Amino acid sequence: MNLIDEISRQSALLSRENQRQVLDFVEYLVKKYAADAPTEDEAWDQVSGRSAVTAGAPPTGSR
């Protein structure tokens, strides 16, 4: 049994009101962690070793 199935099985044992609270908490977590997730560009910058501040800026000392 996977985790989603277990959450569903356990939630089914709760009252309708408590199921609503579980859903509200899951929605809170999704919003909280989705806001913390980097954008695709930020993730590529992290992988390539560039910072978001310097990405796209001209190299220093090039004249």
C-alpha atoms as a PDB file:
ATOM      1  CA  MET A   1       0.000   0.000   0.000  1.00  0.00           C
ATOM      2  CA  ASN A   2       1.451   3.378  -0.958  1.00  0.00           C
ATOM      3  CA  LEU A   3       1.383   6.469   1.217  1.00  0.00           C
ATOM      4  CA  ILE A   4      -1.516   8.145  -0.599  1.00  0.00           C
ATOM      5  CA  ASP A   5      -3.644   5.021  -0.149  1.00  0.00           C
ATOM      6  CA  GLU A   6      -2.763   4.882   3.559  1.00  0.00           C
ATOM      7  CA  ILE A   7      -3.676   8.544   4.046  1.00  0.00           C
ATOM      8  CA  SER A   8      -6.987   7.909   2.293  1.00  0.00           C
ATOM      9  CA  ARG A   9      -7.694   4.776   4.348  1.00  0.00           C
ATOM     10  CA  GLN A  10      -6.952   6.496   7.648  1.00  0.00           C
ATOM     11  CA  SER A  11      -8.892   9.632   6.687  1.00  0.00           C
ATOM     12  CA  ALA A  12     -11.961   7.537   5.890  1.00  0.00           C
ATOM     13  CA  LEU A  13     -12.103   6.558   9.574  1.00  0.00           C
ATOM     14  CA  LEU A  14     -12.606  10.204  10.600  1.00  0.00           C
ATOM     15  CA  SER A  15     -15.790  12.207  10.795  1.00  0.00           C
ATOM     16  CA  ARG A  16     -16.663  14.438   7.829  1.00  0.00           C
ATOM     17  CA  GLU A  17     -15.627  17.523   9.830  1.00  0.00           C
ATOM     18  CA  ASN A  18     -12.239  16.017  10.679  1.00  0.00           C
ATOM     19  CA  GLN A  19     -11.755  14.960   7.045  1.00  0.00           C
ATOM     20  CA  ARG A  20     -12.276  18.611   6.100  1.00  0.00           C
ATOM     21  CA  GLN A  21      -9.565  19.603   8.606  1.00  0.00           C
ATOM     22  CA  VAL A  22      -7.173  17.072   7.090  1.00  0.00           C
ATOM     23  CA  LEU A  23      -7.876  18.454   3.624  1.00  0.00           C
ATOM     24  CA  ASP A  24      -7.378  22.027   4.854  1.00  0.00           C
ATOM     25  CA  PHE A  25      -4.012  21.047   6.335  1.00  0.00           C
ATOM     26  CA  VAL A  26      -2.902  19.306   3.135  1.00  0.00           C
ATOM     27  CA  GLU A  27      -3.857  22.417   1.138  1.00  0.00           C
ATOM     28  CA  TYR A  28      -1.869  24.552   3.599  1.00  0.00           C
ATOM     29  CA  LEU A  29       1.203  22.348   3.140  1.00  0.00           C
ATOM     30  CA  VAL A  30       0.893  22.447  -0.648  1.00  0.00           C
ATOM     31  CA  LYS A  31       0.759  26.243  -0.630  1.00  0.00           C
ATOM     32  CA  LYS A  32       3.579  26.544   1.901  1.00  0.00           C
ATOM     33  CA  TYR A  33       5.997  24.287   0.067  1.00  0.00           C
ATOM     34  CA  ALA A  34       4.983  25.335  -3.435  1.00  0.00           C
ATOM     35  CA  ALA A  35       5.918  28.915  -2.489  1.00  0.00           C
ATOM     36  CA  ASP A  36       9.328  27.706  -1.259  1.00  0.00           C
ATOM     37  CA  ALA A  37      10.039  25.742  -4.433  1.00  0.00           C
ATOM     38  CA  PRO A  38      12.390  27.457  -6.871  1.00  0.00           C
ATOM     39  CA  THR A  39      11.189  28.398 -10.334  1.00  0.00           C
ATOM     40  CA  GLU A  40      12.577  26.352 -13.215  1.00  0.00           C
ATOM     41  CA  ASP A  41      15.084  29.111 -14.030  1.00  0.00           C
ATOM     42  CA  GLU A  42      16.214  29.322 -10.383  1.00  0.00           C
ATOM     43  CA  ALA A  43      16.649  25.553 -10.253  1.00  0.00           C
ATOM     44  CA  TRP A  44      18.808  25.583 -13.403  1.00  0.00           C
ATOM     45  CA  ASP A  45      20.859  28.440 -11.953  1.00  0.00           C
ATOM     46  CA  GLN A  46      21.443  26.404  -8.791  1.00  0.00           C
ATOM     47  CA  VAL A  47      22.500  23.359 -10.806  1.00  0.00           C
ATOM     48  CA  SER A  48      24.863  25.369 -12.985  1.00  0.00           C
ATOM     49  CA  GLY A  49      26.386  27.144  -9.985  1.00  0.00           C
ATOM     50  CA  ARG A  50      25.124  30.588 -10.916  1.00  0.00           C
ATOM     51  CA  SER A  51      23.278  32.756  -8.433  1.00  0.00           C
ATOM     52  CA  ALA A  52      19.964  34.363  -9.350  1.00  0.00           C
ATOM     53  CA  VAL A  53      21.547  37.791  -8.840  1.00  0.00           C
ATOM     54  CA  THR A  54      24.409  37.248 -11.282  1.00  0.00           C
ATOM     55  CA  ALA A  55      22.453  35.281 -13.864  1.00  0.00           C
ATOM     56  CA  GLY A  56      22.201  37.325 -17.008  1.00  0.00           C
ATOM     57  CA  ALA A  57      24.571  40.045 -15.757  1.00  0.00           C
ATOM     58  CA  PRO A  58      27.583  40.822 -17.927  1.00  0.00           C
ATOM     59  CA  PRO A  59      30.844  39.335 -16.686  1.00  0.00           C
ATOM     60  CA  THR A  60      32.930  41.682 -14.576  1.00  0.00           C
ATOM     61  CA  GLY A  61      36.314  42.825 -15.793  1.00  0.00           C
ATOM     62  CA  SER A  62      35.544  42.372 -19.479  1.00  0.00           C
ATOM     63  CA  ARG A  63      36.689  45.500 -21.345  1.00  0.00           C
END
